[in-house]
PDB file of N, CA and C in Angstrom:
ATOM      1  N   MET A   1     -18.668  -8.336 -21.802  1.00  0.00           N
ATOM      2  CA  MET A   1     -18.350  -9.136 -22.978  1.00  0.00           C
ATOM      3  C   MET A   1     -18.774  -8.370 -24.225  1.00  0.00           C
ATOM      4  N   ALA A   2     -17.903  -8.340 -25.183  1.00  0.00           N
ATOM      5  CA  ALA A   2     -18.167  -7.577 -26.412  1.00  0.00           C
ATOM      6  C   ALA A   2     -19.031  -8.380 -27.382  1.00  0.00           C
ATOM      7  N   ARG A   3     -19.609  -7.653 -28.341  1.00  0.00           N
ATOM      8  CA  ARG A   3     -20.459  -8.305 -29.336  1.00  0.00           C
ATOM      9  C   ARG A   3     -19.907  -8.092 -30.737  1.00  0.00           C
ATOM     10  N   LYS A   4     -20.231  -9.025 -31.613  1.00  0.00           N
ATOM     11  CA  LYS A   4     -19.837  -8.939 -33.014  1.00  0.00           C
ATOM     12  C   LYS A   4     -20.793  -7.987 -33.741  1.00  0.00           C
ATOM     13  N   ILE A   5     -20.478  -7.653 -34.971  1.00  0.00           N
ATOM     14  CA  ILE A   5     -21.349  -6.792 -35.774  1.00  0.00           C
ATOM     15  C   ILE A   5     -22.704  -7.468 -35.977  1.00  0.00           C
ATOM     16  N   SER A   6     -22.682  -8.802 -36.092  1.00  0.00           N
ATOM     17  CA  SER A   6     -23.918  -9.553 -36.307  1.00  0.00           C
ATOM     18  C   SER A   6     -24.783  -9.639 -35.058  1.00  0.00           C
ATOM     19  N   GLY A   7     -24.235  -9.250 -33.896  1.00  0.00           N
ATOM     20  CA  GLY A   7     -25.010  -9.308 -32.660  1.00  0.00           C
ATOM     21  C   GLY A   7     -24.620 -10.468 -31.777  1.00  0.00           C
ATOM     22  N   GLY A   8     -23.823 -11.416 -32.317  1.00  0.00           N
ATOM     23  CA  GLY A   8     -23.389 -12.559 -31.516  1.00  0.00           C
ATOM     24  C   GLY A   8     -22.313 -12.153 -30.517  1.00  0.00           C
ATOM     25  N   LYS A   9     -22.146 -12.990 -29.467  1.00  0.00           N
ATOM     26  CA  LYS A   9     -21.155 -12.690 -28.434  1.00  0.00           C
ATOM     27  C   LYS A   9     -19.821 -13.347 -28.766  1.00  0.00           C
ATOM     28  N   TYR A  10     -18.753 -12.647 -28.452  1.00  0.00           N
ATOM     29  CA  TYR A  10     -17.423 -13.258 -28.532  1.00  0.00           C
ATOM     30  C   TYR A  10     -17.250 -14.204 -27.358  1.00  0.00           C
ATOM     31  N   LYS A  11     -16.673 -15.371 -27.594  1.00  0.00           N
ATOM     32  CA  LYS A  11     -16.418 -16.329 -26.513  1.00  0.00           C
ATOM     33  C   LYS A  11     -14.955 -16.254 -26.122  1.00  0.00           C
ATOM     34  N   ASP A  12     -14.667 -16.369 -24.815  1.00  0.00           N
ATOM     35  CA  ASP A  12     -13.288 -16.408 -24.351  1.00  0.00           C
ATOM     36  C   ASP A  12     -12.659 -17.714 -24.814  1.00  0.00           C
ATOM     37  N   TYR A  13     -11.432 -17.619 -25.337  1.00  0.00           N
ATOM     38  CA  TYR A  13     -10.793 -18.836 -25.821  1.00  0.00           C
ATOM     39  C   TYR A  13     -10.179 -19.634 -24.679  1.00  0.00           C
ATOM     40  N   ARG A  14      -9.981 -18.992 -23.535  1.00  0.00           N
ATOM     41  CA  ARG A  14      -9.541 -19.706 -22.336  1.00  0.00           C
ATOM     42  C   ARG A  14      -9.826 -18.859 -21.113  1.00  0.00           C
ATOM     43  N   LYS A  15      -9.789 -19.509 -19.945  1.00  0.00           N
ATOM     44  CA  LYS A  15      -9.946 -18.772 -18.686  1.00  0.00           C
ATOM     45  C   LYS A  15      -8.592 -18.258 -18.237  1.00  0.00           C
ATOM     46  N   LYS A  16      -8.599 -17.365 -17.249  1.00  0.00           N
ATOM     47  CA  LYS A  16      -7.343 -16.837 -16.724  1.00  0.00           C
ATOM     48  C   LYS A  16      -6.601 -17.923 -15.951  1.00  0.00           C
ATOM     49  N   LYS A  17      -5.275 -17.904 -16.079  1.00  0.00           N
ATOM     50  CA  LYS A  17      -4.443 -18.796 -15.283  1.00  0.00           C
ATOM     51  C   LYS A  17      -4.264 -18.181 -13.905  1.00  0.00           C
ATOM     52  N   LEU A  18      -3.827 -18.987 -12.954  1.00  0.00           N
ATOM     53  CA  LEU A  18      -3.726 -18.539 -11.571  1.00  0.00           C
ATOM     54  C   LEU A  18      -2.805 -17.335 -11.428  1.00  0.00           C
ATOM     55  N   HIS A  19      -1.711 -17.288 -12.163  1.00  0.00           N
ATOM     56  CA  HIS A  19      -0.786 -16.158 -12.033  1.00  0.00           C
ATOM     57  C   HIS A  19      -1.281 -14.911 -12.755  1.00  0.00           C
ATOM     58  N   GLU A  20      -2.323 -15.029 -13.562  1.00  0.00           N
ATOM     59  CA  GLU A  20      -2.895 -13.872 -14.248  1.00  0.00           C
ATOM     60  C   GLU A  20      -4.023 -13.213 -13.453  1.00  0.00           C
ATOM     61  N   ILE A  21      -4.538 -13.914 -12.431  1.00  0.00           N
ATOM     62  CA  ILE A  21      -5.633 -13.393 -11.633  1.00  0.00           C
ATOM     63  C   ILE A  21      -5.079 -12.309 -10.705  1.00  0.00           C
ATOM     64  N   PRO A  22      -5.685 -11.125 -10.680  1.00  0.00           N
ATOM     65  CA  PRO A  22      -5.173 -10.076  -9.800  1.00  0.00           C
ATOM     66  C   PRO A  22      -5.358 -10.447  -8.334  1.00  0.00           C
ATOM     67  N   GLY A  23      -4.410 -10.014  -7.512  1.00  0.00           N
ATOM     68  CA  GLY A  23      -4.480 -10.307  -6.084  1.00  0.00           C
ATOM     69  C   GLY A  23      -5.455  -9.396  -5.366  1.00  0.00           C
ATOM     70  N   ILE A  24      -5.652  -9.680  -4.090  1.00  0.00           N
ATOM     71  CA  ILE A  24      -6.527  -8.866  -3.260  1.00  0.00           C
ATOM     72  C   ILE A  24      -5.758  -7.607  -2.863  1.00  0.00           C
ATOM     73  N   PRO A  25      -6.309  -6.416  -3.062  1.00  0.00           N
ATOM     74  CA  PRO A  25      -5.579  -5.213  -2.659  1.00  0.00           C
ATOM     75  C   PRO A  25      -5.447  -5.160  -1.136  1.00  0.00           C
ATOM     76  N   ARG A  26      -4.219  -4.995  -0.659  1.00  0.00           N
ATOM     77  CA  ARG A  26      -3.968  -4.919   0.772  1.00  0.00           C
ATOM     78  C   ARG A  26      -3.832  -3.448   1.149  1.00  0.00           C
ATOM     79  N   LEU A  27      -4.877  -2.894   1.726  1.00  0.00           N
ATOM     80  CA  LEU A  27      -4.847  -1.507   2.190  1.00  0.00           C
ATOM     81  C   LEU A  27      -4.356  -1.507   3.625  1.00  0.00           C
ATOM     82  N   VAL A  28      -3.226  -0.861   3.869  1.00  0.00           N
ATOM     83  CA  VAL A  28      -2.630  -0.821   5.197  1.00  0.00           C
ATOM     84  C   VAL A  28      -3.385   0.208   6.026  1.00  0.00           C
ATOM     85  N   ARG A  29      -3.963  -0.248   7.124  1.00  0.00           N
ATOM     86  CA  ARG A  29      -4.764   0.622   7.984  1.00  0.00           C
ATOM     87  C   ARG A  29      -3.895   1.241   9.070  1.00  0.00           C
ATOM     88  N   LEU A  30      -4.365   2.318   9.636  1.00  0.00           N
ATOM     89  CA  LEU A  30      -3.710   2.944  10.771  1.00  0.00           C
ATOM     90  C   LEU A  30      -4.246   2.289  12.030  1.00  0.00           C
ATOM     91  N   GLY A  31      -3.353   1.664  12.823  1.00  0.00           N
ATOM     92  CA  GLY A  31      -3.776   0.981  14.041  1.00  0.00           C
ATOM     93  C   GLY A  31      -2.647   0.135  14.594  1.00  0.00           C
ATOM     94  N   GLU A  32      -2.979  -0.773  15.493  1.00  0.00           N
ATOM     95  CA  GLU A  32      -1.978  -1.656  16.102  1.00  0.00           C
ATOM     96  C   GLU A  32      -1.323  -2.507  15.030  1.00  0.00           C
ATOM     97  N   GLU A  33       0.019  -2.705  15.133  1.00  0.00           N
ATOM     98  CA  GLU A  33       0.774  -3.358  14.058  1.00  0.00           C
ATOM     99  C   GLU A  33       0.356  -4.810  13.845  1.00  0.00           C
ATOM    100  N   ARG A  34       0.037  -5.138  12.585  1.00  0.00           N
ATOM    101  CA  ARG A  34      -0.302  -6.509  12.191  1.00  0.00           C
ATOM    102  C   ARG A  34       0.411  -6.813  10.886  1.00  0.00           C
ATOM    103  N   LYS A  35       1.090  -7.972  10.825  1.00  0.00           N
ATOM    104  CA  LYS A  35       1.791  -8.392   9.619  1.00  0.00           C
ATOM    105  C   LYS A  35       1.340  -9.792   9.247  1.00  0.00           C
ATOM    106  N   LYS A  36       1.639 -10.175   7.995  1.00  0.00           N
ATOM    107  CA  LYS A  36       1.248 -11.494   7.507  1.00  0.00           C
ATOM    108  C   LYS A  36       2.269 -11.928   6.463  1.00  0.00           C
ATOM    109  N   LYS A  37       2.570 -13.221   6.415  1.00  0.00           N
ATOM    110  CA  LYS A  37       3.482 -13.744   5.397  1.00  0.00           C
ATOM    111  C   LYS A  37       2.656 -14.375   4.291  1.00  0.00           C
ATOM    112  N   ILE A  38       3.006 -14.069   3.037  1.00  0.00           N
ATOM    113  CA  ILE A  38       2.310 -14.669   1.906  1.00  0.00           C
ATOM    114  C   ILE A  38       3.327 -15.337   0.994  1.00  0.00           C
ATOM    115  N   ARG A  39       2.883 -16.326   0.259  1.00  0.00           N
ATOM    116  CA  ARG A  39       3.740 -17.037  -0.678  1.00  0.00           C
ATOM    117  C   ARG A  39       3.778 -16.279  -1.987  1.00  0.00           C
ATOM    118  N   MET A  40       4.988 -16.114  -2.515  1.00  0.00           N
ATOM    119  CA  MET A  40       5.134 -15.443  -3.790  1.00  0.00           C
ATOM    120  C   MET A  40       5.379 -16.473  -4.876  1.00  0.00           C
ATOM    121  N   ARG A  41       5.339 -16.019  -6.120  1.00  0.00           N
ATOM    122  CA  ARG A  41       5.636 -16.897  -7.244  1.00  0.00           C
ATOM    123  C   ARG A  41       7.098 -17.334  -7.155  1.00  0.00           C
ATOM    124  N   GLY A  42       7.345 -18.613  -7.282  1.00  0.00           N
ATOM    125  CA  GLY A  42       8.692 -19.154  -7.143  1.00  0.00           C
ATOM    126  C   GLY A  42       8.922 -19.757  -5.775  1.00  0.00           C
ATOM    127  N   GLY A  43       7.939 -19.655  -4.874  1.00  0.00           N
ATOM    128  CA  GLY A  43       8.041 -20.289  -3.566  1.00  0.00           C
ATOM    129  C   GLY A  43       8.593 -19.402  -2.470  1.00  0.00           C
ATOM    130  N   GLY A  44       8.994 -18.175  -2.790  1.00  0.00           N
ATOM    131  CA  GLY A  44       9.519 -17.272  -1.761  1.00  0.00           C
ATOM    132  C   GLY A  44       8.412 -16.739  -0.881  1.00  0.00           C
ATOM    133  N   GLU A  45       8.818 -16.115   0.230  1.00  0.00           N
ATOM    134  CA  GLU A  45       7.852 -15.527   1.144  1.00  0.00           C
ATOM    135  C   GLU A  45       8.012 -14.023   1.197  1.00  0.00           C
ATOM    136  N   LYS A  46       6.897 -13.323   1.346  1.00  0.00           N
ATOM    137  CA  LYS A  46       6.912 -11.868   1.481  1.00  0.00           C
ATOM    138  C   LYS A  46       6.142 -11.523   2.748  1.00  0.00           C
ATOM    139  N   THR A  47       6.699 -10.631   3.560  1.00  0.00           N
ATOM    140  CA  THR A  47       5.996 -10.136   4.739  1.00  0.00           C
ATOM    141  C   THR A  47       5.244  -8.879   4.335  1.00  0.00           C
ATOM    142  N   VAL A  48       3.941  -8.923   4.464  1.00  0.00           N
ATOM    143  CA  VAL A  48       3.113  -7.780   4.092  1.00  0.00           C
ATOM    144  C   VAL A  48       2.527  -7.157   5.346  1.00  0.00           C
ATOM    145  N   LEU A  49       2.260  -5.881   5.273  1.00  0.00           N
ATOM    146  CA  LEU A  49       1.737  -5.122   6.385  1.00  0.00           C
ATOM    147  C   LEU A  49       0.230  -4.996   6.240  1.00  0.00           C
ATOM    148  N   LEU A  50      -0.499  -5.236   7.321  1.00  0.00           N
ATOM    149  CA  LEU A  50      -1.953  -5.088   7.309  1.00  0.00           C
ATOM    150  C   LEU A  50      -2.386  -3.832   8.073  1.00  0.00           C
ATOM    151  N   ALA A  51      -1.661  -3.531   9.156  1.00  0.00           N
ATOM    152  CA  ALA A  51      -1.949  -2.329   9.939  1.00  0.00           C
ATOM    153  C   ALA A  51      -0.682  -1.938  10.691  1.00  0.00           C
ATOM    154  N   THR A  52      -0.502  -0.651  10.917  1.00  0.00           N
ATOM    155  CA  THR A  52       0.643  -0.164  11.679  1.00  0.00           C
ATOM    156  C   THR A  52       0.365   1.224  12.228  1.00  0.00           C
ATOM    157  N   ASN A  53       1.143   1.592  13.263  1.00  0.00           N
ATOM    158  CA  ASN A  53       1.071   2.948  13.803  1.00  0.00           C
ATOM    159  C   ASN A  53       2.466   3.553  13.932  1.00  0.00           C
ATOM    160  N   LYS A  54       3.461   2.949  13.256  1.00  0.00           N
ATOM    161  CA  LYS A  54       4.839   3.442  13.278  1.00  0.00           C
ATOM    162  C   LYS A  54       5.331   3.709  11.860  1.00  0.00           C
ATOM    163  N   ALA A  55       6.280   4.638  11.742  1.00  0.00           N
ATOM    164  CA  ALA A  55       6.863   4.953  10.442  1.00  0.00           C
ATOM    165  C   ALA A  55       8.346   5.253  10.611  1.00  0.00           C
ATOM    166  N   ASN A  56       9.142   4.871   9.603  1.00  0.00           N
ATOM    167  CA  ASN A  56      10.551   5.231   9.552  1.00  0.00           C
ATOM    168  C   ASN A  56      10.619   6.587   8.845  1.00  0.00           C
ATOM    169  N   VAL A  57      10.900   7.641   9.595  1.00  0.00           N
ATOM    170  CA  VAL A  57      10.858   8.994   9.036  1.00  0.00           C
ATOM    171  C   VAL A  57      12.280   9.535   8.904  1.00  0.00           C
ATOM    172  N   LEU A  58      12.605  10.030   7.708  1.00  0.00           N
ATOM    173  CA  LEU A  58      13.907  10.614   7.426  1.00  0.00           C
ATOM    174  C   LEU A  58      13.809  12.131   7.470  1.00  0.00           C
ATOM    175  N   ASP A  59      14.698  12.738   8.254  1.00  0.00           N
ATOM    176  CA  ASP A  59      14.818  14.194   8.267  1.00  0.00           C
ATOM    177  C   ASP A  59      15.896  14.550   7.254  1.00  0.00           C
ATOM    178  N   SER A  60      15.513  15.181   6.142  1.00  0.00           N
ATOM    179  CA  SER A  60      16.449  15.425   5.039  1.00  0.00           C
ATOM    180  C   SER A  60      17.532  16.449   5.396  1.00  0.00           C
ATOM    181  N   LYS A  61      17.277  17.309   6.388  1.00  0.00           N
ATOM    182  CA  LYS A  61      18.283  18.306   6.780  1.00  0.00           C
ATOM    183  C   LYS A  61      19.413  17.670   7.589  1.00  0.00           C
ATOM    184  N   THR A  62      19.043  16.862   8.586  1.00  0.00           N
ATOM    185  CA  THR A  62      20.052  16.246   9.459  1.00  0.00           C
ATOM    186  C   THR A  62      20.474  14.864   8.986  1.00  0.00           C
ATOM    187  N   LYS A  63      19.784  14.314   8.001  1.00  0.00           N
ATOM    188  CA  LYS A  63      20.052  12.966   7.461  1.00  0.00           C
ATOM    189  C   LYS A  63      19.900  11.880   8.528  1.00  0.00           C
ATOM    190  N   LYS A  64      18.976  12.090   9.474  1.00  0.00           N
ATOM    191  CA  LYS A  64      18.724  11.128  10.543  1.00  0.00           C
ATOM    192  C   LYS A  64      17.414  10.404  10.264  1.00  0.00           C
ATOM    193  N   LEU A  65      17.416   9.079  10.522  1.00  0.00           N
ATOM    194  CA  LEU A  65      16.222   8.254  10.360  1.00  0.00           C
ATOM    195  C   LEU A  65      15.716   7.871  11.739  1.00  0.00           C
ATOM    196  N   GLN A  66      14.440   8.100  11.990  1.00  0.00           N
ATOM    197  CA  GLN A  66      13.866   7.782  13.290  1.00  0.00           C
ATOM    198  C   GLN A  66      12.574   7.005  13.104  1.00  0.00           C
ATOM    199  N   VAL A  67      12.323   6.082  14.044  1.00  0.00           N
ATOM    200  CA  VAL A  67      11.048   5.362  14.072  1.00  0.00           C
ATOM    201  C   VAL A  67      10.119   6.147  14.989  1.00  0.00           C
ATOM    202  N   VAL A  68       9.049   6.688  14.419  1.00  0.00           N
ATOM    203  CA  VAL A  68       8.128   7.525  15.191  1.00  0.00           C
ATOM    204  C   VAL A  68       6.695   7.017  15.042  1.00  0.00           C
ATOM    205  N   LYS A  69       5.857   7.470  15.958  1.00  0.00           N
ATOM    206  CA  LYS A  69       4.454   7.073  15.958  1.00  0.00           C
ATOM    207  C   LYS A  69       3.662   7.949  14.993  1.00  0.00           C
ATOM    208  N   ILE A  70       2.738   7.332  14.261  1.00  0.00           N
ATOM    209  CA  ILE A  70       1.854   8.073  13.341  1.00  0.00           C
ATOM    210  C   ILE A  70       0.626   8.514  14.129  1.00  0.00           C
ATOM    211  N   LYS A  71       0.348   9.820  14.103  1.00  0.00           N
ATOM    212  CA  LYS A  71      -0.826  10.342  14.812  1.00  0.00           C
ATOM    213  C   LYS A  71      -2.089  10.211  13.971  1.00  0.00           C
ATOM    214  N   ALA A  72      -1.991  10.640  12.689  1.00  0.00           N
ATOM    215  CA  ALA A  72      -3.180  10.632  11.828  1.00  0.00           C
ATOM    216  C   ALA A  72      -2.756  10.691  10.376  1.00  0.00           C
ATOM    217  N   VAL A  73      -3.687  10.314   9.493  1.00  0.00           N
ATOM    218  CA  VAL A  73      -3.490  10.465   8.053  1.00  0.00           C
ATOM    219  C   VAL A  73      -4.149  11.779   7.667  1.00  0.00           C
ATOM    220  N   VAL A  74      -3.329  12.731   7.176  1.00  0.00           N
ATOM    221  CA  VAL A  74      -3.830  14.074   6.876  1.00  0.00           C
ATOM    222  C   VAL A  74      -4.483  14.128   5.503  1.00  0.00           C
ATOM    223  N   GLU A  75      -3.793  13.579   4.476  1.00  0.00           N
ATOM    224  CA  GLU A  75      -4.279  13.703   3.105  1.00  0.00           C
ATOM    225  C   GLU A  75      -3.934  12.451   2.315  1.00  0.00           C
ATOM    226  N   ILE A  76      -4.869  12.002   1.473  1.00  0.00           N
ATOM    227  CA  ILE A  76      -4.656  10.873   0.570  1.00  0.00           C
ATOM    228  C   ILE A  76      -4.906  11.387  -0.851  1.00  0.00           C
ATOM    229  N   PRO A  77      -3.844  11.824  -1.570  1.00  0.00           N
ATOM    230  CA  PRO A  77      -4.044  12.416  -2.894  1.00  0.00           C
ATOM    231  C   PRO A  77      -4.558  11.429  -3.940  1.00  0.00           C
ATOM    232  N   SER A  78      -4.235  10.147  -3.784  1.00  0.00           N
ATOM    233  CA  SER A  78      -4.615   9.172  -4.810  1.00  0.00           C
ATOM    234  C   SER A  78      -6.099   8.824  -4.786  1.00  0.00           C
ATOM    235  N   ASN A  79      -6.752   8.931  -3.616  1.00  0.00           N
ATOM    236  CA  ASN A  79      -8.167   8.585  -3.509  1.00  0.00           C
ATOM    237  C   ASN A  79      -8.772   9.348  -2.335  1.00  0.00           C
ATOM    238  N   ARG A  80      -9.612  10.319  -2.620  1.00  0.00           N
ATOM    239  CA  ARG A  80     -10.140  11.160  -1.545  1.00  0.00           C
ATOM    240  C   ARG A  80     -11.209  10.467  -0.702  1.00  0.00           C
ATOM    241  N   TYR A  81     -11.681   9.306  -1.112  1.00  0.00           N
ATOM    242  CA  TYR A  81     -12.732   8.611  -0.372  1.00  0.00           C
ATOM    243  C   TYR A  81     -12.187   7.669   0.694  1.00  0.00           C
ATOM    244  N   LEU A  82     -10.884   7.390   0.678  1.00  0.00           N
ATOM    245  CA  LEU A  82     -10.289   6.502   1.675  1.00  0.00           C
ATOM    246  C   LEU A  82     -10.041   7.257   2.969  1.00  0.00           C
ATOM    247  N   LYS A  83     -10.166   6.556   4.096  1.00  0.00           N
ATOM    248  CA  LYS A  83      -9.911   7.129   5.416  1.00  0.00           C
ATOM    249  C   LYS A  83      -8.945   6.226   6.171  1.00  0.00           C
ATOM    250  N   ASN A  84      -7.942   6.819   6.803  1.00  0.00           N
ATOM    251  CA  ASN A  84      -6.962   6.119   7.641  1.00  0.00           C
ATOM    252  C   ASN A  84      -6.293   4.940   6.944  1.00  0.00           C
ATOM    253  N   VAL A  85      -5.918   5.133   5.680  1.00  0.00           N
ATOM    254  CA  VAL A  85      -5.219   4.109   4.904  1.00  0.00           C
ATOM    255  C   VAL A  85      -3.844   4.661   4.542  1.00  0.00           C
ATOM    256  N   LEU A  86      -2.809   3.823   4.687  1.00  0.00           N
ATOM    257  CA  LEU A  86      -1.442   4.242   4.405  1.00  0.00           C
ATOM    258  C   LEU A  86      -1.036   3.747   3.030  1.00  0.00           C
ATOM    259  N   LEU A  87      -0.879   4.682   2.079  1.00  0.00           N
ATOM    260  CA  LEU A  87      -0.488   4.384   0.706  1.00  0.00           C
ATOM    261  C   LEU A  87       0.674   5.285   0.318  1.00  0.00           C
ATOM    262  N   LYS A  88       1.316   4.970  -0.799  1.00  0.00           N
ATOM    263  CA  LYS A  88       2.408   5.811  -1.284  1.00  0.00           C
ATOM    264  C   LYS A  88       1.867   7.190  -1.660  1.00  0.00           C
ATOM    265  N   GLY A  89       2.570   8.233  -1.234  1.00  0.00           N
ATOM    266  CA  GLY A  89       2.173   9.596  -1.544  1.00  0.00           C
ATOM    267  C   GLY A  89       1.298  10.250  -0.500  1.00  0.00           C
ATOM    268  N   ASN A  90       0.832   9.477   0.492  1.00  0.00           N
ATOM    269  CA  ASN A  90      -0.015  10.051   1.537  1.00  0.00           C
ATOM    270  C   ASN A  90       0.774  11.003   2.426  1.00  0.00           C
ATOM    271  N   ILE A  91       0.087  11.999   2.963  1.00  0.00           N
ATOM    272  CA  ILE A  91       0.667  12.915   3.941  1.00  0.00           C
ATOM    273  C   ILE A  91       0.183  12.451   5.319  1.00  0.00           C
ATOM    274  N   ILE A  92       1.151  12.169   6.211  1.00  0.00           N
ATOM    275  CA  ILE A  92       0.806  11.703   7.556  1.00  0.00           C
ATOM    276  C   ILE A  92       1.311  12.696   8.586  1.00  0.00           C
ATOM    277  N   ASP A  93       0.642  12.720   9.739  1.00  0.00           N
ATOM    278  CA  ASP A  93       1.068  13.567  10.851  1.00  0.00           C
ATOM    279  C   ASP A  93       1.775  12.668  11.851  1.00  0.00           C
ATOM    280  N   THR A  94       3.060  12.969  12.124  1.00  0.00           N
ATOM    281  CA  THR A  94       3.859  12.159  13.050  1.00  0.00           C
ATOM    282  C   THR A  94       4.279  13.022  14.233  1.00  0.00           C
ATOM    283  N   GLU A  95       5.026  12.399  15.160  1.00  0.00           N
ATOM    284  CA  GLU A  95       5.523  13.130  16.325  1.00  0.00           C
ATOM    285  C   GLU A  95       6.530  14.211  15.918  1.00  0.00           C
ATOM    286  N   LEU A  96       7.210  14.015  14.784  1.00  0.00           N
ATOM    287  CA  LEU A  96       8.190  14.996  14.311  1.00  0.00           C
ATOM    288  C   LEU A  96       7.569  16.077  13.438  1.00  0.00           C
ATOM    289  N   GLY A  97       6.361  15.857  12.973  1.00  0.00           N
ATOM    290  CA  GLY A  97       5.683  16.798  12.075  1.00  0.00           C
ATOM    291  C   GLY A  97       5.070  16.055  10.905  1.00  0.00           C
ATOM    292  N   LYS A  98       4.704  16.796   9.866  1.00  0.00           N
ATOM    293  CA  LYS A  98       4.093  16.172   8.687  1.00  0.00           C
ATOM    294  C   LYS A  98       5.158  15.491   7.837  1.00  0.00           C
ATOM    295  N   ALA A  99       4.785  14.323   7.275  1.00  0.00           N
ATOM    296  CA  ALA A  99       5.711  13.557   6.443  1.00  0.00           C
ATOM    297  C   ALA A  99       4.949  12.947   5.284  1.00  0.00           C
ATOM    298  N   LYS A 100       5.682  12.662   4.205  1.00  0.00           N
ATOM    299  CA  LYS A 100       5.095  12.059   3.007  1.00  0.00           C
ATOM    300  C   LYS A 100       5.612  10.626   2.875  1.00  0.00           C
ATOM    301  N   ILE A 101       4.701   9.669   2.667  1.00  0.00           N
ATOM    302  CA  ILE A 101       5.088   8.263   2.523  1.00  0.00           C
ATOM    303  C   ILE A 101       5.741   8.066   1.157  1.00  0.00           C
ATOM    304  N   THR A 102       6.934   7.437   1.159  1.00  0.00           N
ATOM    305  CA  THR A 102       7.719   7.303  -0.067  1.00  0.00           C
ATOM    306  C   THR A 102       7.764   5.880  -0.596  1.00  0.00           C
ATOM    307  N   ASN A 103       7.199   4.915   0.123  1.00  0.00           N
ATOM    308  CA  ASN A 103       7.227   3.528  -0.349  1.00  0.00           C
ATOM    309  C   ASN A 103       5.809   2.973  -0.404  1.00  0.00           C
ATOM    310  N   ARG A 104       5.716   1.695  -0.785  1.00  0.00           N
ATOM    311  CA  ARG A 104       4.407   1.020  -0.831  1.00  0.00           C
ATOM    312  C   ARG A 104       4.313   0.070   0.354  1.00  0.00           C
ATOM    313  N   PRO A 105       3.681   0.503   1.454  1.00  0.00           N
ATOM    314  CA  PRO A 105       3.687  -0.287   2.684  1.00  0.00           C
ATOM    315  C   PRO A 105       3.055  -1.670   2.551  1.00  0.00           C
ATOM    316  N   GLY A 106       2.046  -1.817   1.706  1.00  0.00           N
ATOM    317  CA  GLY A 106       1.414  -3.118   1.524  1.00  0.00           C
ATOM    318  C   GLY A 106       2.321  -4.139   0.863  1.00  0.00           C
ATOM    319  N   GLN A 107       3.331  -3.688   0.148  1.00  0.00           N
ATOM    320  CA  GLN A 107       4.257  -4.582  -0.547  1.00  0.00           C
ATOM    321  C   GLN A 107       5.519  -4.852   0.271  1.00  0.00           C
ATOM    322  N   GLU A 108       5.929  -3.910   1.100  1.00  0.00           N
ATOM    323  CA  GLU A 108       7.242  -3.975   1.727  1.00  0.00           C
ATOM    324  C   GLU A 108       7.236  -4.325   3.208  1.00  0.00           C
ATOM    325  N   GLY A 109       6.122  -4.185   3.899  1.00  0.00           N
ATOM    326  CA  GLY A 109       6.077  -4.552   5.308  1.00  0.00           C
ATOM    327  C   GLY A 109       6.538  -3.463   6.254  1.00  0.00           C
ATOM    328  N   ALA A 110       6.709  -2.228   5.786  1.00  0.00           N
ATOM    329  CA  ALA A 110       7.108  -1.099   6.638  1.00  0.00           C
ATOM    330  C   ALA A 110       6.648   0.190   5.973  1.00  0.00           C
ATOM    331  N   VAL A 111       6.579   1.255   6.765  1.00  0.00           N
ATOM    332  CA  VAL A 111       6.212   2.570   6.232  1.00  0.00           C
ATOM    333  C   VAL A 111       7.451   3.451   6.285  1.00  0.00           C
ATOM    334  N   ASN A 112       7.915   3.913   5.137  1.00  0.00           N
ATOM    335  CA  ASN A 112       9.036   4.847   5.045  1.00  0.00           C
ATOM    336  C   ASN A 112       8.488   6.197   4.612  1.00  0.00           C
ATOM    337  N   ALA A 113       8.954   7.251   5.267  1.00  0.00           N
ATOM    338  CA  ALA A 113       8.454   8.592   4.962  1.00  0.00           C
ATOM    339  C   ALA A 113       9.586   9.598   5.076  1.00  0.00           C
ATOM    340  N   ILE A 114       9.355  10.774   4.506  1.00  0.00           N
ATOM    341  CA  ILE A 114      10.324  11.866   4.559  1.00  0.00           C
ATOM    342  C   ILE A 114       9.601  13.115   5.043  1.00  0.00           C
ATOM    343  N   LEU A 115      10.248  13.853   5.954  1.00  0.00           N
ATOM    344  CA  LEU A 115       9.627  15.058   6.515  1.00  0.00           C
ATOM    345  C   LEU A 115       9.398  16.114   5.454  1.00  0.00           C
ATOM    346  N   ILE A 116       8.286  16.792   5.549  1.00  0.00           N
ATOM    347  CA  ILE A 116       7.980  17.874   4.605  1.00  0.00           C
ATOM    348  C   ILE A 116       8.447  19.185   5.208  1.00  0.00           C
TER     349      ILE A 116
END
């Protein structure tokens, strides 16, 4: 909370509304597949991913999409302190080779990647 020049505290004129409160970050873990449905604003439903060991991997040379097993998370450029978390931009090791995650798995309910 900030202070005035006189030393007094600024008071909040209102509290946050429910739609202004940030949600819980859903970090998708590497493991047995687990999904969950959550209610969105407007009453719709979204299927979110909690854990998975599969990825939709696109081979850019042959233009083929395959569902393959994820062996390990090789690199997490966005946060070096995270371990075995699937986020956008991560480098994963799959049965076809190394791939880069191109979507946000916590928002979409699946892991999409492209071979490097």
